[in-house]
Each structure stands twice: as structure tokens, then as C-alpha cells.
């Protein structure tokens, strides 16, 4: 209830007191009791309204603080993955390393896998922090969630041509969870493991390797293709760029010249077969 409603209520009580007074002598104690009860009611209602307002402000501040805390890590992870996809499609980077073989290919494979996993980690960390918070009516909060959802959906869909990096939603969350580590601090309870730790776990942690197997196979498949310009990779790159534009709208961290968008491949030819 708003404070204005409380003010209306108290004036109604005072009006009742005046109505009694106009109709003859009134016991002073009765009049004082009526006025006091009205005043107490109004104070209670105003206090309730102010508490609701303060709680709403507090929830909004919590959301803004959480988003601000994880904005830069999510921005960097998005930018790194976006650049990798651009290099895979535009420069045929994976296939070049695949042909070289040896350590060059091992690095290209593992680092690409790391960049996918790193992005999923920061999304999962943000989700953990935000799931119990009320996003309220802030349009930017909703837009952030929508942008992340579109990337999640692009990873998960089987309807796009050449969906080599297809990961179900549960797989995305599992990889994000495995990539996250407790920091032991109150302000930032979770962080993402680094590349060295990632490579060590690939070699020594069977559960970790199992969850990453589908993504690893997809990257290997991309390296063997004559052309890696698939609808899935291009749309992923576009949606990651959308997220970067949202998180860094003034291009303070990453200049606009580093945000080129890939062109979609031509539609498949109609062979006339039914």
C-alpha cells in the first residue's frame, strides 16, 4: 500500500472525529482514542510502504552489484570465444592446425575447447548468483538474460546447418559447473579455472573429460570440414557480439573494429529431389 493511501486513511479518521463533535458533546477520552488510533494506523501503513520501497531498492542494488561484479569476466570470455569462432570461419584456423598435427593441433583443439567451456563457466556462475534474486522491472536485466538465453539456445539446437558444437542445455550447465571453482572469498565466491588447470584436468580427470567429449568431437569435426562456415558458428558469433555490445556499449574495453560479424553461408542448393 502506498503512503498516499495511509494519509487518506488518517484524514478519514479525523473526519469521523469531527462528525462526532458536530453532534454534541463528546467524551474527550473517546475523541483522543479515535485520533490516536487513526494516527497509529497511518504511521503503520506509511512504515509498511517505506519498507516495501526499501526492500525493492535493496533487491535492485543486489542485482546491479552481481551483474557489475561478473560483467568483465563474462565480457572477456564472450570476446575470446567470439574471436575464436571468427578465426575458425574466416581464417580456417582449425583445419590449418589439424593438417600440421602434433603439438600445434593439440593446442588448437584444447584451447578452442577451453574457450567454449570458459564462457559456459561464467554464465553458470552468473546464473547461480542471480537465481534467487528478483530481477524486477529493469529492462536491462531482462535484456541480459535474453541475450544469454539466445546463445544457450544456439548451442543446443539441432535445427541449424552444421551444428558441430551442439551441446544440450544440461551439458552446458554441467561443463560450466565443472569449470567453476570456489574462491573462498565472500564477495566473489566462484571463479573459472585457468587454461593450465583445464589441460591438467583433461589428462587426469575422467569425469571432466567425459562431459567435454561431445564438444571435443564437434571441434574435431569442424577441423575436417572443407568449409567451417556453418549457420551455427556464424549465428553463435553474431549473438556473442550482441552480448559484447550490451556489456560494453561504449566500446571502452573492445573497440568497434574488433566486432566484425561473419557472413552467413549461402542456403543449400535445391537438388529438386523430393
C-alpha atoms as a PDB file:
ATOM      1  CA  UNK A   1       0.000   0.000   0.000  1.00  0.00           C
ATOM      2  CA  UNK A   2       1.309   3.453  -0.857  1.00  0.00           C
ATOM      3  CA  UNK A   3       1.984   6.246   1.632  1.00  0.00           C
ATOM      4  CA  UNK A   4      -0.788   8.304  -0.016  1.00  0.00           C
ATOM      5  CA  UNK A   5      -3.352   5.691   0.967  1.00  0.00           C
ATOM      6  CA  UNK A   6      -2.180   5.903   4.561  1.00  0.00           C
ATOM      7  CA  UNK A   7      -2.617   9.692   4.527  1.00  0.00           C
ATOM      8  CA  UNK A   8      -6.150   9.266   3.164  1.00  0.00           C
ATOM      9  CA  UNK A   9      -6.957   6.839   5.957  1.00  0.00           C
ATOM     10  CA  UNK A  10      -5.865   9.182   8.723  1.00  0.00           C
ATOM     11  CA  UNK A  11      -7.924  12.051   7.265  1.00  0.00           C
ATOM     12  CA  UNK A  12     -10.926   9.727   7.201  1.00  0.00           C
ATOM     13  CA  UNK A  13     -10.379   9.018  10.924  1.00  0.00           C
ATOM     14  CA  UNK A  14     -10.109  12.724  11.687  1.00  0.00           C
ATOM     15  CA  UNK A  15     -13.279  13.277   9.666  1.00  0.00           C
ATOM     16  CA  UNK A  16     -15.088  10.753  11.820  1.00  0.00           C
ATOM     17  CA  UNK A  17     -13.897  12.560  14.924  1.00  0.00           C
ATOM     18  CA  UNK A  18     -15.215  15.865  13.550  1.00  0.00           C
ATOM     19  CA  UNK A  19     -18.528  14.184  12.712  1.00  0.00           C
ATOM     20  CA  UNK A  20     -18.887  13.071  16.344  1.00  0.00           C
ATOM     21  CA  UNK A  21     -18.019  16.549  17.567  1.00  0.00           C
ATOM     22  CA  UNK A  22     -20.686  18.217  15.415  1.00  0.00           C
ATOM     23  CA  UNK A  23     -23.390  16.104  17.010  1.00  0.00           C
ATOM     24  CA  UNK A  24     -22.883  17.289  20.515  1.00  0.00           C
ATOM     25  CA  UNK A  25     -20.508  16.985  23.429  1.00  0.00           C
ATOM     26  CA  UNK A  26     -18.084  14.115  23.077  1.00  0.00           C
ATOM     27  CA  UNK A  27     -16.131  12.467  25.839  1.00  0.00           C
ATOM     28  CA  UNK A  28     -12.579  13.781  25.436  1.00  0.00           C
ATOM     29  CA  UNK A  29     -11.121  10.355  26.053  1.00  0.00           C
ATOM     30  CA  UNK A  30     -13.196   8.892  23.198  1.00  0.00           C
ATOM     31  CA  UNK A  31     -12.088  11.647  20.819  1.00  0.00           C
ATOM     32  CA  UNK A  32      -8.448  11.258  21.782  1.00  0.00           C
ATOM     33  CA  UNK A  33      -8.704   7.481  21.366  1.00  0.00           C
ATOM     34  CA  UNK A  34     -10.181   7.841  17.853  1.00  0.00           C
ATOM     35  CA  UNK A  35      -7.495  10.304  16.772  1.00  0.00           C
ATOM     36  CA  UNK A  36      -4.689   8.230  18.342  1.00  0.00           C
ATOM     37  CA  UNK A  37      -5.847   5.033  16.654  1.00  0.00           C
ATOM     38  CA  UNK A  38      -6.005   6.782  13.301  1.00  0.00           C
ATOM     39  CA  UNK A  39      -2.542   8.235  13.754  1.00  0.00           C
ATOM     40  CA  UNK A  40      -1.109   4.832  14.721  1.00  0.00           C
ATOM     41  CA  UNK A  41      -2.763   3.198  11.718  1.00  0.00           C
ATOM     42  CA  UNK A  42      -1.383   5.808   9.344  1.00  0.00           C
ATOM     43  CA  UNK A  43       2.123   5.505  10.780  1.00  0.00           C
ATOM     44  CA  UNK A  44       1.978   1.718  10.407  1.00  0.00           C
ATOM     45  CA  UNK A  45       0.836   1.965   6.802  1.00  0.00           C
ATOM     46  CA  UNK A  46       3.479   4.543   5.905  1.00  0.00           C
ATOM     47  CA  UNK A  47       6.160   2.411   7.578  1.00  0.00           C
ATOM     48  CA  UNK A  48       4.978  -0.653   5.663  1.00  0.00           C
ATOM     49  CA  UNK A  49       5.069   1.250   2.361  1.00  0.00           C
ATOM     50  CA  UNK A  50       8.554   2.597   3.092  1.00  0.00           C
ATOM     51  CA  UNK A  51       9.807  -0.894   3.982  1.00  0.00           C
ATOM     52  CA  UNK A  52       8.467  -2.251   0.675  1.00  0.00           C
ATOM     53  CA  UNK A  53      10.205   0.560  -1.198  1.00  0.00           C
ATOM     54  CA  UNK A  54      13.476  -0.046   0.663  1.00  0.00           C
ATOM     55  CA  UNK A  55      13.313  -3.799   0.022  1.00  0.00           C
ATOM     56  CA  UNK A  56      12.720  -3.190  -3.675  1.00  0.00           C
ATOM     57  CA  UNK A  57      15.688  -0.825  -3.816  1.00  0.00           C
ATOM     58  CA  UNK A  58      17.833  -3.354  -1.985  1.00  0.00           C
ATOM     59  CA  UNK A  59      16.933  -6.180  -4.395  1.00  0.00           C
ATOM     60  CA  UNK A  60      17.693  -3.979  -7.382  1.00  0.00           C
ATOM     61  CA  UNK A  61      21.034  -2.973  -5.853  1.00  0.00           C
ATOM     62  CA  UNK A  62      21.880  -6.656  -5.328  1.00  0.00           C
ATOM     63  CA  UNK A  63      21.167  -7.466  -8.972  1.00  0.00           C
ATOM     64  CA  UNK A  64      23.156  -4.479 -10.220  1.00  0.00           C
ATOM     65  CA  UNK A  65      26.064  -5.394  -7.951  1.00  0.00           C
ATOM     66  CA  UNK A  66      26.054  -9.004  -9.139  1.00  0.00           C
ATOM     67  CA  UNK A  67      25.927  -8.058 -12.820  1.00  0.00           C
ATOM     68  CA  UNK A  68      28.673  -5.448 -12.330  1.00  0.00           C
ATOM     69  CA  UNK A  69      30.852  -7.982 -10.485  1.00  0.00           C
ATOM     70  CA  UNK A  70      30.707 -10.563 -13.260  1.00  0.00           C
ATOM     71  CA  UNK A  71      30.400  -8.211 -16.227  1.00  0.00           C
ATOM     72  CA  UNK A  72      34.102  -8.073 -17.066  1.00  0.00           C
ATOM     73  CA  UNK A  73      34.806 -11.834 -16.765  1.00  0.00           C
ATOM     74  CA  UNK A  74      31.729 -12.613 -18.884  1.00  0.00           C
ATOM     75  CA  UNK A  75      32.694  -9.897 -21.359  1.00  0.00           C
ATOM     76  CA  UNK A  76      36.240 -11.263 -21.751  1.00  0.00           C
ATOM     77  CA  UNK A  77      35.018 -14.850 -22.074  1.00  0.00           C
ATOM     78  CA  UNK A  78      32.469 -13.792 -24.710  1.00  0.00           C
ATOM     79  CA  UNK A  79      35.072 -11.795 -26.612  1.00  0.00           C
ATOM     80  CA  UNK A  80      37.626 -14.626 -26.563  1.00  0.00           C
ATOM     81  CA  UNK A  81      35.108 -17.162 -27.843  1.00  0.00           C
ATOM     82  CA  UNK A  82      33.711 -14.749 -30.419  1.00  0.00           C
ATOM     83  CA  UNK A  83      37.240 -14.137 -31.778  1.00  0.00           C
ATOM     84  CA  UNK A  84      37.953 -17.857 -31.892  1.00  0.00           C
ATOM     85  CA  UNK A  85      34.825 -18.519 -33.927  1.00  0.00           C
ATOM     86  CA  UNK A  86      35.730 -15.673 -36.269  1.00  0.00           C
ATOM     87  CA  UNK A  87      39.219 -17.143 -36.782  1.00  0.00           C
ATOM     88  CA  UNK A  88      37.838 -20.653 -37.353  1.00  0.00           C
ATOM     89  CA  UNK A  89      35.427 -19.449 -40.031  1.00  0.00           C
ATOM     90  CA  UNK A  90      37.296 -16.574 -41.664  1.00  0.00           C
ATOM     91  CA  UNK A  91      40.886 -17.861 -41.414  1.00  0.00           C
ATOM     92  CA  UNK A  92      40.233 -21.609 -41.468  1.00  0.00           C
ATOM     93  CA  UNK A  93      42.354 -21.793 -38.311  1.00  0.00           C
ATOM     94  CA  UNK A  94      41.298 -25.233 -37.102  1.00  0.00           C
ATOM     95  CA  UNK A  95      41.921 -27.008 -40.377  1.00  0.00           C
ATOM     96  CA  UNK A  96      45.384 -25.440 -40.703  1.00  0.00           C
ATOM     97  CA  UNK A  97      46.395 -26.710 -37.267  1.00  0.00           C
ATOM     98  CA  UNK A  98      44.759 -30.069 -37.917  1.00  0.00           C
ATOM     99  CA  UNK A  99      46.898 -30.554 -41.030  1.00  0.00           C
ATOM    100  CA  UNK A 100      50.045 -29.725 -39.100  1.00  0.00           C
ATOM    101  CA  UNK A 101      49.186 -32.270 -36.434  1.00  0.00           C
ATOM    102  CA  UNK A 102      51.304 -32.835 -33.322  1.00  0.00           C
ATOM    103  CA  UNK A 103      51.502 -30.200 -30.616  1.00  0.00           C
ATOM    104  CA  UNK A 104      50.088 -27.477 -32.859  1.00  0.00           C
ATOM    105  CA  UNK A 105      46.850 -29.414 -33.319  1.00  0.00           C
ATOM    106  CA  UNK A 106      46.684 -30.439 -29.658  1.00  0.00           C
ATOM    107  CA  UNK A 107      46.934 -26.790 -28.664  1.00  0.00           C
ATOM    108  CA  UNK A 108      44.323 -25.601 -31.185  1.00  0.00           C
ATOM    109  CA  UNK A 109      41.892 -28.319 -30.091  1.00  0.00           C
ATOM    110  CA  UNK A 110      42.371 -27.850 -26.356  1.00  0.00           C
ATOM    111  CA  UNK A 111      42.337 -24.057 -26.422  1.00  0.00           C
ATOM    112  CA  UNK A 112      39.158 -23.926 -28.512  1.00  0.00           C
ATOM    113  CA  UNK A 113      37.561 -26.381 -26.093  1.00  0.00           C
ATOM    114  CA  UNK A 114      38.738 -24.224 -23.192  1.00  0.00           C
ATOM    115  CA  UNK A 115      37.202 -21.052 -24.653  1.00  0.00           C
ATOM    116  CA  UNK A 116      33.812 -22.732 -25.084  1.00  0.00           C
ATOM    117  CA  UNK A 117      33.998 -24.095 -21.535  1.00  0.00           C
ATOM    118  CA  UNK A 118      35.198 -20.797 -20.056  1.00  0.00           C
ATOM    119  CA  UNK A 119      32.194 -18.954 -21.471  1.00  0.00           C
ATOM    120  CA  UNK A 120      29.820 -21.610 -20.082  1.00  0.00           C
ATOM    121  CA  UNK A 121      31.523 -21.309 -16.698  1.00  0.00           C
ATOM    122  CA  UNK A 122      30.886 -17.579 -16.332  1.00  0.00           C
ATOM    123  CA  UNK A 123      27.283 -17.998 -17.473  1.00  0.00           C
ATOM    124  CA  UNK A 124      26.778 -20.680 -14.827  1.00  0.00           C
ATOM    125  CA  UNK A 125      28.429 -18.539 -12.134  1.00  0.00           C
ATOM    126  CA  UNK A 126      26.149 -15.617 -13.026  1.00  0.00           C
ATOM    127  CA  UNK A 127      23.116 -17.921 -13.017  1.00  0.00           C
ATOM    128  CA  UNK A 128      23.988 -19.246  -9.552  1.00  0.00           C
ATOM    129  CA  UNK A 129      24.213 -15.743  -8.182  1.00  0.00           C
ATOM    130  CA  UNK A 130      21.093 -14.397  -9.831  1.00  0.00           C
ATOM    131  CA  UNK A 131      18.667 -17.304  -9.460  1.00  0.00           C
ATOM    132  CA  UNK A 132      17.412 -16.219  -6.017  1.00  0.00           C
ATOM    133  CA  UNK A 133      17.256 -12.520  -6.851  1.00  0.00           C
ATOM    134  CA  UNK A 134      14.204 -10.654  -8.087  1.00  0.00           C
ATOM    135  CA  UNK A 135      15.135  -9.078 -11.436  1.00  0.00           C
ATOM    136  CA  UNK A 136      12.195  -6.715 -11.097  1.00  0.00           C
ATOM    137  CA  UNK A 137      11.144  -4.499 -13.981  1.00  0.00           C
ATOM    138  CA  UNK A 138      14.649  -3.379 -15.010  1.00  0.00           C
ATOM    139  CA  UNK A 139      14.668  -3.720 -18.803  1.00  0.00           C
ATOM    140  CA  UNK A 140      18.461  -4.109 -18.959  1.00  0.00           C
ATOM    141  CA  UNK A 141      18.410  -7.062 -16.565  1.00  0.00           C
ATOM    142  CA  UNK A 142      15.816  -8.788 -18.729  1.00  0.00           C
ATOM    143  CA  UNK A 143      17.784  -7.979 -21.874  1.00  0.00           C
ATOM    144  CA  UNK A 144      20.936  -9.559 -20.415  1.00  0.00           C
ATOM    145  CA  UNK A 145      19.080 -12.768 -19.605  1.00  0.00           C
ATOM    146  CA  UNK A 146      17.525 -12.819 -23.078  1.00  0.00           C
ATOM    147  CA  UNK A 147      20.923 -12.399 -24.776  1.00  0.00           C
ATOM    148  CA  UNK A 148      22.421 -15.252 -22.764  1.00  0.00           C
ATOM    149  CA  UNK A 149      19.369 -17.398 -23.467  1.00  0.00           C
ATOM    150  CA  UNK A 150      19.758 -16.911 -27.226  1.00  0.00           C
ATOM    151  CA  UNK A 151      23.373 -18.116 -27.052  1.00  0.00           C
ATOM    152  CA  UNK A 152      22.323 -21.097 -24.939  1.00  0.00           C
ATOM    153  CA  UNK A 153      19.622 -21.933 -27.481  1.00  0.00           C
ATOM    154  CA  UNK A 154      22.061 -21.673 -30.397  1.00  0.00           C
ATOM    155  CA  UNK A 155      24.416 -24.132 -28.725  1.00  0.00           C
ATOM    156  CA  UNK A 156      21.551 -26.542 -28.027  1.00  0.00           C
ATOM    157  CA  UNK A 157      19.582 -26.503 -31.272  1.00  0.00           C
ATOM    158  CA  UNK A 158      19.787 -29.293 -33.821  1.00  0.00           C
ATOM    159  CA  UNK A 159      17.894 -27.292 -36.443  1.00  0.00           C
ATOM    160  CA  UNK A 160      20.838 -25.229 -37.689  1.00  0.00           C
ATOM    161  CA  UNK A 161      23.003 -26.420 -40.548  1.00  0.00           C
ATOM    162  CA  UNK A 162      26.364 -27.780 -39.418  1.00  0.00           C
ATOM    163  CA  UNK A 163      25.647 -27.809 -35.675  1.00  0.00           C
ATOM    164  CA  UNK A 164      29.008 -29.394 -34.810  1.00  0.00           C
ATOM    165  CA  UNK A 165      29.211 -27.569 -31.473  1.00  0.00           C
ATOM    166  CA  UNK A 166      25.786 -28.738 -30.354  1.00  0.00           C
ATOM    167  CA  UNK A 167      25.505 -29.038 -26.582  1.00  0.00           C
ATOM    168  CA  UNK A 168      22.283 -29.771 -24.735  1.00  0.00           C
ATOM    169  CA  UNK A 169      21.287 -27.271 -22.076  1.00  0.00           C
ATOM    170  CA  UNK A 170      22.120 -29.742 -19.302  1.00  0.00           C
ATOM    171  CA  UNK A 171      25.536 -30.370 -20.829  1.00  0.00           C
ATOM    172  CA  UNK A 172      26.199 -26.644 -20.979  1.00  0.00           C
ATOM    173  CA  UNK A 173      25.386 -26.292 -17.299  1.00  0.00           C
ATOM    174  CA  UNK A 174      27.444 -29.347 -16.344  1.00  0.00           C
ATOM    175  CA  UNK A 175      30.500 -28.033 -18.180  1.00  0.00           C
ATOM    176  CA  UNK A 176      30.014 -24.622 -16.575  1.00  0.00           C
ATOM    177  CA  UNK A 177      29.790 -26.247 -13.153  1.00  0.00           C
ATOM    178  CA  UNK A 178      32.943 -28.336 -13.671  1.00  0.00           C
ATOM    179  CA  UNK A 179      34.862 -25.293 -14.914  1.00  0.00           C
ATOM    180  CA  UNK A 180      33.911 -23.244 -11.850  1.00  0.00           C
ATOM    181  CA  UNK A 181      35.935 -23.272  -8.653  1.00  0.00           C
ATOM    182  CA  UNK A 182      35.302 -21.884  -5.183  1.00  0.00           C
ATOM    183  CA  UNK A 183      37.497 -18.881  -4.391  1.00  0.00           C
ATOM    184  CA  UNK A 184      36.929 -18.860  -0.650  1.00  0.00           C
ATOM    185  CA  UNK A 185      36.004 -15.170  -0.654  1.00  0.00           C
ATOM    186  CA  UNK A 186      32.632 -13.711   0.292  1.00  0.00           C
ATOM    187  CA  UNK A 187      32.406 -11.085  -2.455  1.00  0.00           C
ATOM    188  CA  UNK A 188      33.370 -13.439  -5.316  1.00  0.00           C
ATOM    189  CA  UNK A 189      32.605 -16.992  -4.136  1.00  0.00           C
ATOM    190  CA  UNK A 190      33.238 -18.575  -7.556  1.00  0.00           C
ATOM    191  CA  UNK A 191      35.695 -18.167 -10.399  1.00  0.00           C
ATOM    192  CA  UNK A 192      36.669 -20.017 -13.559  1.00  0.00           C
ATOM    193  CA  UNK A 193      39.707 -22.301 -13.668  1.00  0.00           C
ATOM    194  CA  UNK A 194      42.606 -21.230 -15.900  1.00  0.00           C
ATOM    195  CA  UNK A 195      43.953 -22.860 -19.023  1.00  0.00           C
ATOM    196  CA  UNK A 196      46.785 -24.745 -17.264  1.00  0.00           C
ATOM    197  CA  UNK A 197      44.392 -26.301 -14.743  1.00  0.00           C
ATOM    198  CA  UNK A 198      41.996 -27.094 -17.586  1.00  0.00           C
ATOM    199  CA  UNK A 199      44.671 -29.026 -19.510  1.00  0.00           C
ATOM    200  CA  UNK A 200      45.727 -30.919 -16.393  1.00  0.00           C
ATOM    201  CA  UNK A 201      42.154 -31.979 -15.716  1.00  0.00           C
ATOM    202  CA  UNK A 202      41.729 -33.074 -19.328  1.00  0.00           C
ATOM    203  CA  UNK A 203      44.578 -35.515 -18.772  1.00  0.00           C
ATOM    204  CA  UNK A 204      43.756 -36.697 -15.262  1.00  0.00           C
ATOM    205  CA  UNK A 205      40.022 -36.267 -14.586  1.00  0.00           C
ATOM    206  CA  UNK A 206      37.847 -38.854 -16.326  1.00  0.00           C
ATOM    207  CA  UNK A 207      34.536 -37.246 -15.319  1.00  0.00           C
ATOM    208  CA  UNK A 208      35.723 -33.885 -16.627  1.00  0.00           C
ATOM    209  CA  UNK A 209      36.841 -35.389 -19.938  1.00  0.00           C
ATOM    210  CA  UNK A 210      33.577 -37.308 -20.371  1.00  0.00           C
ATOM    211  CA  UNK A 211      31.412 -34.198 -20.101  1.00  0.00           C
ATOM    212  CA  UNK A 212      33.593 -32.413 -22.669  1.00  0.00           C
ATOM    213  CA  UNK A 213      33.655 -35.283 -25.154  1.00  0.00           C
ATOM    214  CA  UNK A 214      30.760 -34.075 -27.329  1.00  0.00           C
ATOM    215  CA  UNK A 215      32.280 -30.591 -27.681  1.00  0.00           C
ATOM    216  CA  UNK A 216      35.692 -32.099 -28.406  1.00  0.00           C
ATOM    217  CA  UNK A 217      34.237 -34.314 -31.148  1.00  0.00           C
ATOM    218  CA  UNK A 218      32.456 -31.297 -32.636  1.00  0.00           C
ATOM    219  CA  UNK A 219      35.677 -29.286 -32.803  1.00  0.00           C
ATOM    220  CA  UNK A 220      37.448 -32.202 -34.487  1.00  0.00           C
ATOM    221  CA  UNK A 221      34.602 -32.412 -36.993  1.00  0.00           C
ATOM    222  CA  UNK A 222      34.952 -28.701 -37.801  1.00  0.00           C
ATOM    223  CA  UNK A 223      38.675 -29.166 -38.428  1.00  0.00           C
ATOM    224  CA  UNK A 224      37.945 -31.834 -41.063  1.00  0.00           C
ATOM    225  CA  UNK A 225      35.342 -29.844 -42.994  1.00  0.00           C
ATOM    226  CA  UNK A 226      36.080 -28.317 -46.360  1.00  0.00           C
ATOM    227  CA  UNK A 227      34.389 -25.153 -45.123  1.00  0.00           C
ATOM    228  CA  UNK A 228      33.712 -24.349 -41.447  1.00  0.00           C
ATOM    229  CA  UNK A 229      31.280 -21.539 -42.311  1.00  0.00           C
ATOM    230  CA  UNK A 230      28.215 -23.171 -40.836  1.00  0.00           C
ATOM    231  CA  UNK A 231      24.996 -21.480 -39.775  1.00  0.00           C
ATOM    232  CA  UNK A 232      25.565 -22.467 -36.160  1.00  0.00           C
ATOM    233  CA  UNK A 233      29.058 -20.945 -35.888  1.00  0.00           C
ATOM    234  CA  UNK A 234      28.060 -17.743 -37.677  1.00  0.00           C
ATOM    235  CA  UNK A 235      24.919 -17.239 -35.571  1.00  0.00           C
ATOM    236  CA  UNK A 236      26.871 -18.024 -32.388  1.00  0.00           C
ATOM    237  CA  UNK A 237      29.432 -15.397 -33.365  1.00  0.00           C
ATOM    238  CA  UNK A 238      26.664 -12.858 -34.028  1.00  0.00           C
ATOM    239  CA  UNK A 239      24.943 -13.495 -30.704  1.00  0.00           C
ATOM    240  CA  UNK A 240      28.197 -13.329 -28.766  1.00  0.00           C
ATOM    241  CA  UNK A 241      28.838  -9.994 -30.485  1.00  0.00           C
ATOM    242  CA  UNK A 242      25.361  -8.854 -29.395  1.00  0.00           C
ATOM    243  CA  UNK A 243      26.278  -9.722 -25.807  1.00  0.00           C
ATOM    244  CA  UNK A 244      29.589  -7.865 -26.105  1.00  0.00           C
ATOM    245  CA  UNK A 245      27.764  -4.801 -27.473  1.00  0.00           C
ATOM    246  CA  UNK A 246      25.430  -4.945 -24.473  1.00  0.00           C
ATOM    247  CA  UNK A 247      28.167  -5.381 -21.856  1.00  0.00           C
ATOM    248  CA  UNK A 248      30.490  -2.794 -23.447  1.00  0.00           C
ATOM    249  CA  UNK A 249      28.127  -0.383 -25.254  1.00  0.00           C
ATOM    250  CA  UNK A 250      30.643   2.458 -25.468  1.00  0.00           C
ATOM    251  CA  UNK A 251      33.441   0.200 -26.780  1.00  0.00           C
ATOM    252  CA  UNK A 252      35.638   1.116 -23.810  1.00  0.00           C
ATOM    253  CA  UNK A 253      37.245  -2.309 -23.489  1.00  0.00           C
ATOM    254  CA  UNK A 254      36.958  -3.609 -27.042  1.00  0.00           C
ATOM    255  CA  UNK A 255      36.874  -1.188 -29.984  1.00  0.00           C
ATOM    256  CA  UNK A 256      34.177  -1.471 -32.609  1.00  0.00           C
ATOM    257  CA  UNK A 257      36.701  -2.519 -35.277  1.00  0.00           C
ATOM    258  CA  UNK A 258      37.145  -5.802 -33.374  1.00  0.00           C
ATOM    259  CA  UNK A 259      33.440  -6.612 -33.580  1.00  0.00           C
ATOM    260  CA  UNK A 260      33.045  -7.538 -37.243  1.00  0.00           C
ATOM    261  CA  UNK A 261      30.292 -10.024 -37.943  1.00  0.00           C
ATOM    262  CA  UNK A 262      30.706 -13.086 -40.100  1.00  0.00           C
ATOM    263  CA  UNK A 263      28.552 -13.502 -43.189  1.00  0.00           C
ATOM    264  CA  UNK A 264      26.111 -16.377 -43.272  1.00  0.00           C
ATOM    265  CA  UNK A 265      26.779 -19.231 -45.697  1.00  0.00           C
ATOM    266  CA  UNK A 266      24.574 -19.464 -48.787  1.00  0.00           C
ATOM    267  CA  UNK A 267      21.463 -21.637 -48.414  1.00  0.00           C
ATOM    268  CA  UNK A 268      21.878 -25.246 -49.530  1.00  0.00           C
ATOM    269  CA  UNK A 269      21.159 -25.813 -53.191  1.00  0.00           C
ATOM    270  CA  UNK A 270      17.800 -27.279 -54.143  1.00  0.00           C
ATOM    271  CA  UNK A 271      18.554 -30.552 -55.913  1.00  0.00           C
ATOM    272  CA  UNK A 272      14.934 -30.962 -56.964  1.00  0.00           C
ATOM    273  CA  UNK A 273      14.663 -34.280 -55.156  1.00  0.00           C
ATOM    274  CA  UNK A 274      11.541 -34.842 -53.109  1.00  0.00           C
END
